Amino acid sequence: MSEYYKWAVWYPFLDCTLQFLWDKFLSHQLTLLTLVALVQSVVNSYEWTDVVNSCRLYQSQILYKDEVHHEHSQYITICLEC
């Protein structure tokens, strides 16, 4: 009897829950993956537009977008000098 409930109830419930979590956080993960543009060894391969979407994710915590853009430019300059 318990095998029946495991296959008929528990596994479908677990599958549905995992799929919901996957769907909910997939776009968030893809946005955060663009932050690889801030890794010093590859910073020269990316542009500001590659970082903008990640900044939008945290826009409630960013006071001035222009300041973030300026900080990004300075960061690239520092990375290229090293």
Protein backbone atom coordinates (compact mmCIF):
# COMPACT_ATOMS: atom_id res chain seq x y z
CA MET A 1 0.00 0.00 0.00
CA SER A 2 2.78 2.49 0.85
CA GLU A 3 4.49 1.83 -2.53
CA TYR A 4 1.30 2.91 -4.26
CA TYR A 5 1.22 6.27 -2.43
CA LYS A 6 4.91 6.81 -3.03
CA TRP A 7 4.43 6.42 -6.80
CA ALA A 8 0.94 7.92 -7.07
CA VAL A 9 1.30 10.87 -4.68
CA TRP A 10 4.81 11.55 -3.39
CA TYR A 11 6.82 11.37 -6.63
CA PRO A 12 4.36 13.50 -8.66
CA PHE A 13 4.25 16.04 -5.81
CA LEU A 14 8.03 16.14 -5.59
CA ASP A 15 8.37 16.43 -9.37
CA CYS A 16 5.86 19.29 -9.50
CA THR A 17 7.60 21.12 -6.66
CA LEU A 18 11.04 20.79 -8.22
CA GLN A 19 9.74 21.93 -11.61
CA PHE A 20 8.11 24.98 -10.00
CA LEU A 21 11.37 25.92 -8.26
CA TRP A 22 13.36 25.37 -11.45
CA ASP A 23 10.99 27.60 -13.46
CA LYS A 24 10.99 30.29 -10.79
CA PHE A 25 14.75 30.60 -10.42
CA LEU A 26 16.02 29.79 -13.90
CA SER A 27 15.74 33.35 -15.23
CA HIS A 28 17.31 34.65 -12.03
CA GLN A 29 20.28 32.34 -12.50
CA LEU A 30 20.78 33.35 -16.12
CA THR A 31 20.77 37.00 -15.14
CA LEU A 32 23.33 36.43 -12.43
CA LEU A 33 25.54 34.43 -14.77
CA THR A 34 26.20 37.61 -16.71
CA LEU A 35 28.13 38.83 -13.67
CA VAL A 36 30.96 36.67 -14.96
CA ALA A 37 31.74 39.84 -16.91
CA LEU A 38 33.25 41.17 -13.67
CA VAL A 39 35.87 38.44 -13.41
CA GLN A 40 39.24 40.09 -13.89
CA SER A 41 40.59 37.56 -16.38
CA VAL A 42 37.67 38.06 -18.82
CA VAL A 43 36.57 41.62 -18.08
CA ASN A 44 38.01 42.82 -21.38
CA SER A 45 35.70 40.47 -23.32
CA TYR A 46 32.49 42.04 -22.05
CA GLU A 47 30.75 45.40 -22.33
CA TRP A 48 28.62 47.44 -19.93
CA THR A 49 25.47 46.12 -21.63
CA ASP A 50 26.40 42.62 -20.48
CA VAL A 51 26.26 43.77 -16.86
CA VAL A 52 23.16 45.99 -17.08
CA ASN A 53 20.60 43.19 -16.70
CA SER A 54 22.22 42.05 -13.49
CA CYS A 55 22.16 45.60 -12.21
CA ARG A 56 18.43 45.76 -12.94
CA LEU A 57 17.97 42.75 -10.69
CA TYR A 58 19.34 44.82 -7.80
CA GLN A 59 17.89 48.17 -8.86
CA SER A 60 16.03 48.59 -5.57
CA GLN A 61 19.40 48.69 -3.81
CA ILE A 62 21.21 50.91 -6.32
CA LEU A 63 20.75 54.61 -5.74
CA TYR A 64 22.34 56.01 -8.90
CA LYS A 65 22.69 54.02 -12.11
CA ASP A 66 25.24 56.44 -13.50
CA GLU A 67 27.44 55.87 -10.48
CA VAL A 68 27.36 52.10 -11.06
CA HIS A 69 28.30 52.62 -14.69
CA HIS A 70 31.18 54.87 -13.64
CA GLU A 71 32.35 52.31 -11.06
CA HIS A 72 32.26 49.64 -13.74
CA SER A 73 34.41 51.78 -16.05
CA GLN A 74 36.92 52.37 -13.28
CA TYR A 75 36.98 48.67 -12.45
CA ILE A 76 37.76 47.77 -16.07
CA THR A 77 40.55 50.33 -16.14
CA ILE A 78 42.08 48.91 -12.96
CA CYS A 79 41.78 45.32 -14.25
CA LEU A 80 43.47 46.20 -17.54
CA GLU A 81 46.38 47.86 -15.73
CA CYS A 82 47.12 44.73 -13.68
